[in-house]
N, C-alpha and C. Protein backbone atom coordinates (compact mmCIF):
# COMPACT_ATOMS: atom_id res chain seq x y z
N MET A 1 55.00 -221.02 46.06
CA MET A 1 54.05 -221.77 46.38
C MET A 1 53.88 -222.74 45.33
N LYS A 2 53.55 -224.02 45.69
CA LYS A 2 53.42 -225.12 44.93
C LYS A 2 52.05 -224.91 44.10
N PRO A 3 51.89 -225.41 42.94
CA PRO A 3 50.79 -225.25 42.11
C PRO A 3 49.58 -226.04 42.77
N GLY A 4 49.80 -227.02 43.51
CA GLY A 4 48.57 -227.66 44.24
C GLY A 4 48.13 -226.66 45.47
N LYS A 5 48.91 -226.30 46.03
CA LYS A 5 48.59 -225.21 47.13
C LYS A 5 47.75 -223.96 46.62
N LYS A 6 48.29 -223.45 45.45
CA LYS A 6 47.74 -222.52 44.89
C LYS A 6 46.28 -222.74 44.43
N ARG A 7 46.11 -223.93 43.80
CA ARG A 7 44.75 -224.19 43.33
C ARG A 7 43.76 -224.48 44.68
N LYS A 8 44.34 -225.02 45.80
CA LYS A 8 43.52 -225.30 46.87
C LYS A 8 43.05 -223.78 47.50
N MET A 9 44.11 -222.88 47.40
CA MET A 9 43.77 -221.45 47.88
C MET A 9 42.73 -220.82 47.02
N TRP A 10 42.80 -221.13 45.78
CA TRP A 10 41.73 -220.36 44.96
C TRP A 10 40.19 -221.16 45.05
N VAL A 11 40.40 -222.40 45.36
CA VAL A 11 39.14 -222.97 45.68
C VAL A 11 38.45 -222.58 46.84
N ARG A 12 39.27 -222.25 47.98
CA ARG A 12 38.80 -221.90 49.23
C ARG A 12 38.27 -220.38 48.91
N VAL A 13 38.95 -219.55 48.28
CA VAL A 13 38.46 -218.07 48.02
C VAL A 13 37.27 -218.27 47.27
N GLY A 14 37.00 -219.04 46.38
CA GLY A 14 35.92 -219.28 45.53
C GLY A 14 34.83 -219.62 46.28
N ILE A 15 34.90 -220.62 47.22
CA ILE A 15 33.88 -221.11 48.12
C ILE A 15 33.54 -219.90 49.20
N VAL A 16 34.44 -219.20 49.37
CA VAL A 16 34.01 -218.07 50.45
C VAL A 16 33.10 -217.18 49.69
N ILE A 17 33.73 -216.71 48.45
CA ILE A 17 32.90 -215.78 47.46
C ILE A 17 31.49 -216.34 47.35
N VAL A 18 31.25 -217.56 47.02
CA VAL A 18 30.01 -218.09 46.57
C VAL A 18 29.16 -218.00 47.95
N LEU A 19 29.80 -218.41 49.02
CA LEU A 19 29.03 -218.41 50.43
C LEU A 19 28.44 -216.93 50.63
N VAL A 20 29.37 -215.74 50.37
CA VAL A 20 29.24 -214.55 50.96
C VAL A 20 27.99 -214.05 49.91
N LEU A 21 28.09 -214.44 48.67
CA LEU A 21 27.16 -214.04 47.57
C LEU A 21 25.68 -214.62 47.80
N GLY A 22 25.87 -216.00 48.14
CA GLY A 22 24.50 -216.61 48.53
C GLY A 22 23.88 -216.11 49.67
N THR A 23 24.66 -215.81 50.74
CA THR A 23 24.14 -215.09 51.84
C THR A 23 23.48 -213.87 51.50
N ILE A 24 24.06 -212.96 50.75
CA ILE A 24 23.63 -211.70 50.32
C ILE A 24 22.36 -211.97 49.54
N GLU A 25 22.25 -212.90 48.68
CA GLU A 25 21.11 -213.07 47.77
C GLU A 25 19.95 -213.60 48.85
N GLY A 26 20.09 -214.40 49.71
CA GLY A 26 19.25 -215.10 50.61
C GLY A 26 18.70 -213.86 51.46
N ILE A 27 19.34 -213.01 51.81
CA ILE A 27 18.87 -211.69 52.63
C ILE A 27 17.86 -210.94 51.80
N TYR A 28 18.61 -210.68 50.64
CA TYR A 28 17.56 -209.82 49.56
C TYR A 28 16.19 -210.40 49.42
N TRP A 29 16.26 -211.90 49.15
CA TRP A 29 15.00 -212.27 48.76
C TRP A 29 14.07 -212.35 50.07
N SER A 30 14.67 -212.69 51.18
CA SER A 30 13.89 -212.73 52.35
C SER A 30 13.16 -211.42 52.61
N ARG A 31 13.95 -210.33 52.43
CA ARG A 31 13.57 -209.14 52.86
C ARG A 31 12.35 -208.68 51.71
N ARG A 32 12.71 -209.07 50.54
CA ARG A 32 11.68 -208.78 49.37
C ARG A 32 10.43 -209.50 49.77
N ILE A 33 10.59 -210.67 50.05
CA ILE A 33 9.42 -211.55 50.34
C ILE A 33 8.40 -210.93 51.54
N ALA A 34 9.27 -210.65 52.49
CA ALA A 34 8.65 -209.96 53.60
C ALA A 34 7.90 -208.48 53.24
N GLU A 35 8.57 -207.83 52.53
CA GLU A 35 8.00 -206.41 51.96
C GLU A 35 6.68 -206.57 51.23
N GLN A 36 6.72 -207.75 50.56
CA GLN A 36 5.55 -208.08 49.44
C GLN A 36 4.33 -208.54 50.40
N ARG A 37 4.66 -209.27 51.52
CA ARG A 37 3.75 -209.84 52.49
C ARG A 37 3.14 -208.51 53.25
N HIS A 38 4.11 -207.68 53.62
CA HIS A 38 3.56 -206.67 54.40
C HIS A 38 2.52 -205.55 53.49
N GLN A 39 3.03 -205.46 52.17
CA GLN A 39 2.14 -204.67 51.18
C GLN A 39 0.84 -205.27 51.09
N ALA A 40 0.75 -206.87 50.93
CA ALA A 40 -0.63 -207.25 50.76
C ALA A 40 -1.29 -207.13 52.05
N GLU A 41 -0.66 -207.13 53.29
CA GLU A 41 -1.54 -206.90 54.37
C GLU A 41 -1.95 -205.59 54.51
N GLU A 42 -1.13 -204.55 54.20
CA GLU A 42 -1.53 -203.21 54.22
C GLU A 42 -2.79 -203.03 53.18
N ASP A 43 -2.49 -203.60 51.95
CA ASP A 43 -3.67 -203.55 51.08
C ASP A 43 -4.95 -204.01 51.45
N SER A 44 -4.79 -205.18 52.17
CA SER A 44 -6.01 -205.75 52.69
C SER A 44 -6.85 -204.90 53.71
N ARG A 45 -5.91 -204.36 54.60
CA ARG A 45 -6.48 -203.50 55.73
C ARG A 45 -7.02 -202.24 55.11
N ALA A 46 -6.38 -201.49 54.19
CA ALA A 46 -6.88 -200.31 53.56
C ALA A 46 -8.16 -200.73 52.66
N ALA A 47 -8.39 -201.84 52.08
CA ALA A 47 -9.63 -202.17 51.30
C ALA A 47 -10.55 -202.67 52.31
N ARG A 48 -10.41 -203.06 53.42
CA ARG A 48 -11.40 -203.20 54.38
C ARG A 48 -12.02 -201.81 54.88
N ILE A 49 -11.28 -200.76 55.12
CA ILE A 49 -11.47 -199.59 55.44
C ILE A 49 -12.48 -198.87 54.46
N MET A 50 -11.96 -199.00 53.26
CA MET A 50 -12.80 -198.34 52.21
C MET A 50 -14.06 -198.98 51.94
N ALA A 51 -14.14 -200.51 51.92
CA ALA A 51 -15.46 -201.10 51.73
C ALA A 51 -16.51 -200.66 53.03
N GLN A 52 -15.86 -200.63 54.27
CA GLN A 52 -16.69 -200.22 55.43
C GLN A 52 -17.32 -198.83 55.15
N ALA A 53 -16.39 -197.79 54.72
CA ALA A 53 -16.88 -196.55 54.46
C ALA A 53 -17.91 -196.56 53.46
N ALA A 54 -17.72 -197.26 52.38
CA ALA A 54 -18.61 -197.16 51.19
C ALA A 54 -19.99 -197.89 51.72
N ASP A 55 -20.04 -198.83 52.53
CA ASP A 55 -21.24 -199.29 53.02
C ASP A 55 -22.00 -198.53 54.03
N THR A 56 -21.31 -197.85 54.87
CA THR A 56 -21.77 -197.25 55.96
C THR A 56 -21.86 -195.61 55.53
N ARG A 57 -21.48 -195.25 54.39
CA ARG A 57 -21.31 -193.82 53.94
C ARG A 57 -20.60 -192.92 54.84
N ASP A 58 -19.76 -193.37 55.77
CA ASP A 58 -19.13 -192.63 56.77
C ASP A 58 -17.63 -192.44 56.32
N TYR A 59 -17.60 -191.32 55.34
CA TYR A 59 -16.20 -191.08 54.66
C TYR A 59 -15.21 -190.55 55.68
N ASN A 60 -15.79 -189.87 56.58
CA ASN A 60 -14.93 -189.07 57.65
C ASN A 60 -14.28 -190.11 58.59
N LYS A 61 -14.92 -190.95 58.85
CA LYS A 61 -14.31 -192.18 59.78
C LYS A 61 -13.35 -192.84 59.04
N ALA A 62 -13.49 -193.27 57.79
CA ALA A 62 -12.53 -193.90 56.92
C ALA A 62 -11.31 -192.98 56.78
N ARG A 63 -11.37 -191.70 56.58
CA ARG A 63 -10.43 -190.87 56.42
C ARG A 63 -9.34 -190.83 57.67
N GLU A 64 -10.09 -190.76 58.95
CA GLU A 64 -9.53 -190.90 60.37
C GLU A 64 -8.77 -192.23 60.33
N GLN A 65 -9.35 -193.37 60.03
CA GLN A 65 -8.54 -194.65 60.09
C GLN A 65 -7.63 -194.66 59.17
N VAL A 66 -7.63 -194.21 58.06
CA VAL A 66 -6.49 -193.97 57.04
C VAL A 66 -5.43 -193.52 57.52
N VAL A 67 -5.79 -192.25 57.99
CA VAL A 67 -4.48 -191.35 58.61
C VAL A 67 -3.90 -191.91 59.68
N ALA A 68 -4.61 -192.67 60.79
CA ALA A 68 -4.26 -193.53 61.83
C ALA A 68 -3.48 -194.74 61.60
N GLY A 69 -3.70 -195.28 60.22
CA GLY A 69 -3.03 -196.50 59.82
C GLY A 69 -1.73 -196.19 59.18
N HIS A 70 -1.52 -194.80 58.81
CA HIS A 70 -0.25 -194.41 58.26
C HIS A 70 -0.04 -195.37 56.87
N PHE A 71 -1.13 -195.38 55.93
CA PHE A 71 -0.86 -195.99 54.70
C PHE A 71 -0.15 -195.02 53.76
N ASN A 72 0.65 -195.58 52.86
CA ASN A 72 1.24 -194.60 51.85
C ASN A 72 0.11 -194.44 50.81
N LEU A 73 0.56 -193.44 49.92
CA LEU A 73 -0.50 -193.03 49.05
C LEU A 73 -0.94 -193.96 47.93
N ASP A 74 0.05 -194.72 47.55
CA ASP A 74 -0.20 -195.90 46.48
C ASP A 74 -1.22 -196.86 47.02
N THR A 75 -1.06 -197.30 48.34
CA THR A 75 -1.75 -198.15 48.89
C THR A 75 -3.40 -197.68 48.94
N ILE A 76 -3.44 -196.39 49.41
CA ILE A 76 -4.74 -195.83 49.39
C ILE A 76 -5.27 -195.65 48.06
N ARG A 77 -4.61 -195.34 47.10
CA ARG A 77 -5.24 -195.32 45.79
C ARG A 77 -5.56 -196.52 45.29
N ARG A 78 -4.72 -197.63 45.41
CA ARG A 78 -5.26 -198.99 45.06
C ARG A 78 -6.55 -199.42 45.65
N ALA A 79 -6.68 -199.28 46.86
CA ALA A 79 -7.86 -199.45 47.75
C ALA A 79 -9.15 -198.70 47.47
N VAL A 80 -8.95 -197.51 47.12
CA VAL A 80 -10.02 -196.57 46.71
C VAL A 80 -10.49 -197.13 45.47
N THR A 81 -9.68 -197.27 44.52
CA THR A 81 -9.88 -197.81 43.14
C THR A 81 -10.63 -199.27 43.02
N GLU A 82 -10.05 -200.05 43.83
CA GLU A 82 -10.98 -201.39 43.91
C GLU A 82 -12.23 -201.18 44.65
N GLU A 83 -12.40 -200.17 45.53
CA GLU A 83 -13.71 -200.20 46.08
C GLU A 83 -14.60 -199.52 45.19
N ILE A 84 -14.11 -198.56 44.35
CA ILE A 84 -15.00 -197.88 43.17
C ILE A 84 -15.44 -199.06 42.10
N HIS A 85 -14.52 -199.74 41.82
CA HIS A 85 -14.97 -200.94 40.97
C HIS A 85 -15.88 -201.71 41.63
N ARG A 86 -15.77 -202.13 42.80
CA ARG A 86 -16.75 -202.97 43.57
C ARG A 86 -18.18 -202.36 43.62
N GLN A 87 -18.07 -201.05 43.90
CA GLN A 87 -19.21 -200.17 44.21
C GLN A 87 -20.01 -200.13 42.66
N THR A 88 -19.18 -199.92 41.78
CA THR A 88 -19.76 -199.66 40.30
C THR A 88 -20.45 -200.95 39.96
N ILE A 89 -19.76 -202.13 40.17
CA ILE A 89 -20.44 -203.42 39.73
C ILE A 89 -21.68 -203.70 40.53
N LYS A 90 -21.52 -203.29 41.70
CA LYS A 90 -22.95 -203.30 42.65
C LYS A 90 -24.01 -202.62 42.24
N ARG A 91 -23.87 -201.42 41.77
CA ARG A 91 -24.65 -200.49 41.30
C ARG A 91 -25.43 -200.94 39.98
N VAL A 92 -24.40 -201.51 39.14
CA VAL A 92 -25.02 -201.99 37.76
C VAL A 92 -25.73 -203.14 38.13
N ASP A 93 -25.47 -204.08 38.85
CA ASP A 93 -26.14 -205.34 39.25
C ASP A 93 -27.45 -204.76 40.00
N GLY A 94 -27.50 -203.97 40.84
CA GLY A 94 -28.80 -203.50 41.50
C GLY A 94 -29.67 -202.94 40.41
N TYR A 95 -29.16 -202.18 39.38
CA TYR A 95 -30.05 -201.68 38.37
C TYR A 95 -30.73 -202.82 37.53
N PHE A 96 -30.06 -203.93 37.03
CA PHE A 96 -30.63 -204.84 36.46
C PHE A 96 -31.47 -205.76 37.03
N VAL A 97 -31.43 -205.79 38.51
CA VAL A 97 -32.35 -206.57 39.28
C VAL A 97 -33.63 -205.89 39.24
N GLN A 98 -33.92 -204.57 39.20
CA GLN A 98 -35.20 -203.86 38.98
C GLN A 98 -35.83 -204.15 37.78
N PRO A 99 -37.06 -204.40 37.79
CA PRO A 99 -38.00 -204.44 36.70
C PRO A 99 -37.92 -203.23 35.82
N PRO A 100 -37.87 -203.13 34.46
CA PRO A 100 -37.84 -201.85 33.63
C PRO A 100 -39.11 -201.01 33.92
N GLY A 101 -38.87 -199.90 33.94
CA GLY A 101 -40.00 -198.80 34.25
C GLY A 101 -39.57 -197.97 35.47
N PRO A 102 -40.70 -197.82 36.28
CA PRO A 102 -40.57 -196.61 37.30
C PRO A 102 -39.61 -197.22 38.33
N GLN A 103 -39.41 -198.54 38.51
CA GLN A 103 -38.44 -198.96 39.57
C GLN A 103 -36.97 -198.74 39.28
N ARG A 104 -36.76 -199.03 37.96
CA ARG A 104 -35.33 -198.67 37.42
C ARG A 104 -35.06 -197.13 37.47
N MET A 105 -36.13 -196.36 37.20
CA MET A 105 -35.94 -194.95 37.29
C MET A 105 -35.76 -194.57 38.66
N ALA A 106 -36.45 -195.05 39.70
CA ALA A 106 -36.38 -194.77 41.08
C ALA A 106 -34.92 -195.20 41.41
N TYR A 107 -34.42 -196.15 41.16
CA TYR A 107 -33.10 -196.76 41.38
C TYR A 107 -32.06 -195.81 40.82
N LEU A 108 -32.11 -195.40 39.59
CA LEU A 108 -31.29 -194.44 39.04
C LEU A 108 -31.16 -193.18 39.58
N ASP A 109 -32.43 -192.70 40.28
CA ASP A 109 -32.31 -191.40 40.94
C ASP A 109 -31.63 -191.45 42.36
N ARG A 110 -31.78 -192.82 42.86
CA ARG A 110 -31.03 -193.06 44.30
C ARG A 110 -29.55 -192.99 44.00
N VAL A 111 -29.19 -193.59 42.81
CA VAL A 111 -27.69 -193.68 42.53
C VAL A 111 -27.13 -192.22 42.05
N ILE A 112 -27.74 -191.61 41.50
CA ILE A 112 -27.52 -190.15 41.09
C ILE A 112 -27.52 -189.35 42.33
N ASP A 113 -28.41 -189.45 43.31
CA ASP A 113 -28.37 -188.75 44.55
C ASP A 113 -27.27 -188.93 45.26
N GLU A 114 -26.81 -190.17 45.20
CA GLU A 114 -25.54 -190.73 46.05
C GLU A 114 -24.22 -190.02 45.31
N ALA A 115 -24.33 -190.08 44.00
CA ALA A 115 -23.10 -189.53 43.30
C ALA A 115 -23.00 -188.05 43.49
N VAL A 116 -24.21 -187.38 43.40
CA VAL A 116 -24.08 -185.97 43.70
C VAL A 116 -23.52 -185.55 45.21
N ALA A 117 -24.01 -186.50 46.10
CA ALA A 117 -23.51 -186.26 47.37
C ALA A 117 -22.00 -186.56 47.48
N TYR A 118 -21.60 -187.57 46.75
CA TYR A 118 -20.17 -187.83 46.94
C TYR A 118 -19.36 -186.61 46.12
N GLU A 119 -19.88 -186.18 45.00
CA GLU A 119 -19.22 -184.96 44.45
C GLU A 119 -19.26 -183.68 45.31
N ARG A 120 -20.19 -183.57 46.11
CA ARG A 120 -20.09 -182.44 47.15
C ARG A 120 -19.07 -182.80 48.02
N PHE A 121 -19.07 -184.01 48.72
CA PHE A 121 -18.08 -184.47 49.62
C PHE A 121 -16.57 -184.25 48.98
N ARG A 122 -16.37 -184.72 47.73
CA ARG A 122 -15.03 -184.62 47.10
C ARG A 122 -14.67 -183.21 46.98
N ALA A 123 -15.59 -182.31 46.47
CA ALA A 123 -15.27 -180.87 46.44
C ALA A 123 -14.88 -180.20 47.69
N LYS A 124 -15.48 -180.72 48.72
CA LYS A 124 -15.10 -180.06 50.09
C LYS A 124 -13.69 -180.60 50.72
N SER A 125 -13.60 -181.74 50.28
CA SER A 125 -12.10 -182.42 50.98
C SER A 125 -11.18 -182.46 49.85
N ARG A 126 -11.34 -182.00 48.72
CA ARG A 126 -10.24 -182.08 47.83
C ARG A 126 -8.99 -181.21 47.96
N PRO A 127 -7.80 -181.64 47.97
CA PRO A 127 -6.66 -180.97 48.29
C PRO A 127 -6.42 -179.83 47.34
N ALA A 128 -5.54 -178.85 47.57
CA ALA A 128 -5.17 -177.76 46.79
C ALA A 128 -4.54 -178.49 45.53
N PRO A 129 -4.60 -177.80 44.30
CA PRO A 129 -4.34 -178.42 43.15
C PRO A 129 -2.76 -178.45 43.28
N THR A 130 -2.49 -179.45 42.42
CA THR A 130 -0.84 -179.68 42.41
C THR A 130 -0.37 -178.93 41.10
N THR A 131 0.98 -179.09 41.08
CA THR A 131 1.44 -178.21 39.92
C THR A 131 1.58 -179.18 38.63
N ARG A 132 1.43 -180.46 38.74
CA ARG A 132 1.38 -181.45 37.78
C ARG A 132 0.20 -181.79 37.46
N PRO A 133 -0.33 -182.04 36.50
CA PRO A 133 -1.88 -182.16 36.05
C PRO A 133 -2.03 -183.64 36.25
N ALA A 134 -3.22 -184.12 36.70
CA ALA A 134 -3.60 -185.37 37.03
C ALA A 134 -4.03 -186.13 35.63
N PRO A 135 -3.80 -187.39 35.56
CA PRO A 135 -4.23 -187.99 34.20
C PRO A 135 -5.92 -188.09 34.20
N PRO A 136 -6.26 -187.90 32.93
CA PRO A 136 -7.72 -188.02 32.94
C PRO A 136 -8.37 -189.28 33.53
N ALA A 137 -9.39 -188.95 34.35
CA ALA A 137 -10.15 -190.05 35.04
C ALA A 137 -10.70 -191.12 34.14
N THR A 138 -11.03 -190.58 32.97
CA THR A 138 -11.77 -191.74 32.03
C THR A 138 -10.92 -192.62 31.57
N ASP A 139 -9.46 -192.38 31.31
CA ASP A 139 -8.41 -193.33 30.94
C ASP A 139 -8.44 -194.64 31.99
N ALA A 140 -8.52 -194.25 33.19
CA ALA A 140 -8.49 -195.34 34.11
C ALA A 140 -9.86 -196.31 34.03
N PHE A 141 -10.81 -195.42 33.96
CA PHE A 141 -12.06 -196.20 33.88
C PHE A 141 -12.18 -196.99 32.62
N VAL A 142 -11.91 -196.46 31.40
CA VAL A 142 -11.83 -197.18 30.10
C VAL A 142 -10.88 -198.36 30.20
N ALA A 143 -9.70 -198.22 30.71
CA ALA A 143 -8.79 -199.43 30.92
C ALA A 143 -9.30 -200.52 31.82
N TRP A 144 -10.12 -200.12 32.94
CA TRP A 144 -10.85 -201.05 33.77
C TRP A 144 -11.91 -201.75 33.00
N VAL A 145 -12.74 -200.77 32.32
CA VAL A 145 -13.86 -201.69 31.55
C VAL A 145 -13.46 -202.61 30.48
N SER A 146 -12.33 -202.13 29.78
CA SER A 146 -11.76 -203.12 28.82
C SER A 146 -11.29 -204.29 29.25
N GLN A 147 -11.10 -204.45 30.49
CA GLN A 147 -10.70 -205.71 31.08
C GLN A 147 -11.63 -206.66 31.56
N GLN A 148 -13.02 -206.06 31.48
CA GLN A 148 -14.06 -206.84 31.81
C GLN A 148 -14.55 -207.72 30.97
N PRO A 149 -15.25 -208.91 31.12
CA PRO A 149 -15.80 -209.79 30.12
C PRO A 149 -16.90 -208.85 29.35
N ALA A 150 -17.16 -209.51 28.14
CA ALA A 150 -17.97 -208.86 27.13
C ALA A 150 -19.51 -208.44 27.84
N ALA A 151 -20.06 -209.38 28.62
CA ALA A 151 -21.31 -209.27 29.20
C ALA A 151 -21.26 -208.23 30.20
N THR A 152 -20.31 -208.06 30.93
CA THR A 152 -20.13 -207.04 31.88
C THR A 152 -19.97 -205.62 31.28
N ARG A 153 -19.25 -205.56 30.25
CA ARG A 153 -18.93 -204.49 29.60
C ARG A 153 -20.15 -203.95 29.02
N ALA A 154 -21.14 -204.82 28.44
CA ALA A 154 -22.49 -204.40 27.93
C ALA A 154 -23.32 -203.77 29.05
N ARG A 155 -23.43 -204.49 30.06
CA ARG A 155 -24.12 -204.07 31.25
C ARG A 155 -23.71 -202.68 31.55
N LEU A 156 -22.49 -202.47 31.75
CA LEU A 156 -21.72 -201.25 32.10
C LEU A 156 -22.13 -200.21 31.27
N ALA A 157 -22.24 -200.43 29.85
CA ALA A 157 -22.63 -199.59 28.90
C ALA A 157 -23.87 -199.13 28.87
N GLU A 158 -24.74 -200.06 29.11
CA GLU A 158 -26.23 -199.80 29.21
C GLU A 158 -26.55 -199.02 30.47
N PHE A 159 -26.02 -199.36 31.61
CA PHE A 159 -26.30 -198.62 32.79
C PHE A 159 -25.71 -197.25 32.60
N GLY A 160 -24.67 -196.97 31.94
CA GLY A 160 -24.08 -195.68 31.94
C GLY A 160 -24.85 -194.87 31.06
N ALA A 161 -25.43 -195.31 30.02
CA ALA A 161 -26.45 -194.63 29.12
C ALA A 161 -27.56 -194.08 29.87
N ALA A 162 -28.25 -195.04 30.52
CA ALA A 162 -29.45 -194.66 31.38
C ALA A 162 -29.07 -193.63 32.50
N PHE A 163 -27.88 -193.83 33.10
CA PHE A 163 -27.49 -192.95 34.19
C PHE A 163 -27.53 -191.66 33.50
N ASN A 164 -26.67 -191.41 32.51
CA ASN A 164 -26.65 -190.15 32.04
C ASN A 164 -27.75 -189.60 31.26
N ALA A 165 -28.53 -190.37 30.65
CA ALA A 165 -29.88 -189.89 30.15
C ALA A 165 -30.84 -189.24 31.39
N ARG A 166 -30.73 -189.97 32.57
CA ARG A 166 -31.51 -189.47 33.70
C ARG A 166 -30.84 -188.31 34.20
N LEU A 167 -29.51 -188.15 34.17
CA LEU A 167 -28.89 -186.93 34.52
C LEU A 167 -29.32 -185.71 33.73
N GLN A 168 -29.39 -186.01 32.51
CA GLN A 168 -29.88 -184.92 31.58
C GLN A 168 -31.34 -184.62 31.88
N GLN A 169 -32.23 -185.51 32.07
CA GLN A 169 -33.70 -185.51 32.48
C GLN A 169 -33.82 -184.47 33.63
N ARG A 170 -33.04 -184.75 34.59
CA ARG A 170 -33.11 -184.18 35.89
C ARG A 170 -32.37 -182.66 35.82
N GLY A 171 -31.75 -182.29 34.57
CA GLY A 171 -30.99 -181.08 34.43
C GLY A 171 -29.62 -180.81 35.19
N LEU A 172 -29.10 -182.21 35.69
CA LEU A 172 -27.91 -182.09 36.31
C LEU A 172 -26.72 -182.23 35.49
N PRO A 173 -25.57 -181.56 35.69
CA PRO A 173 -24.18 -181.70 34.90
C PRO A 173 -23.79 -182.91 35.13
N PRO A 174 -22.84 -183.44 34.01
CA PRO A 174 -22.17 -184.63 34.01
C PRO A 174 -21.36 -184.83 35.26
N ILE A 175 -21.48 -185.94 35.68
CA ILE A 175 -20.50 -186.28 36.79
C ILE A 175 -19.29 -187.07 36.48
N GLN A 176 -18.23 -186.63 36.73
CA GLN A 176 -16.73 -187.04 36.27
C GLN A 176 -16.57 -188.37 37.04
N ALA A 177 -15.96 -189.35 36.15
CA ALA A 177 -15.59 -190.77 36.84
C ALA A 177 -14.55 -190.47 38.06
N PRO A 178 -14.87 -191.03 38.97
CA PRO A 178 -13.89 -190.78 40.23
C PRO A 178 -12.57 -191.63 40.12
N LEU A 179 -12.20 -192.30 39.05
CA LEU A 179 -11.10 -193.35 39.09
C LEU A 179 -9.95 -192.53 38.60
N ARG A 180 -8.86 -192.71 39.27
CA ARG A 180 -7.50 -192.03 38.87
C ARG A 180 -6.45 -192.94 38.84
C-alpha cells in the first residue's frame, strides 16, 4: 500500500471514530439532561403534594398521592425536608407577628399542639426500625440553620427558646426535630 493511501485510510478511520464517540457523547448528555428535567418535575410534584398536606393537615391523602405517584425515596425526603423548612419559617414569622405577651403565648400553644399532633401521627405511621441507625435529626437542622442569614438564625434561636420554655411550662417532653 502506498504511503498516501495509508494516510487517507487512517484519516477515514479517525473520522469514523470521532463521529462514533461524538454520537455516544451526544446520546449520553441528552439522556442526562432529560433525567435531570424529569427529576426536577418529580421534585416539583412531590413538593406541591407536601405543601398541600401541610396546609390542609391531611397527611393521609398526601401519603396516598405519594404512593400513587411512585416517587423514589430521595424525592420524598427532599420534598418533606423543603416543606419542613417552609413551615418552620412560616411558624417563626407567625410568632414575631404577634405582639409580646398573651398573644404570643397563645400562638406558641397552637404551634405546640400541632407539633404534638404531628408527633402522634409520626408514631403511628413510623415504619419498623431498620438495622442501620438514622443520622441524628439535629445535624440536618443545624446544617440548614447555619445556611440561613444571620437575622433568620437569630429569629429561629429566639423562637426555639420560647418554644422549649413553653413546652417545659406545660410539662411536655421535648419534641425531636423532624429533619433527617
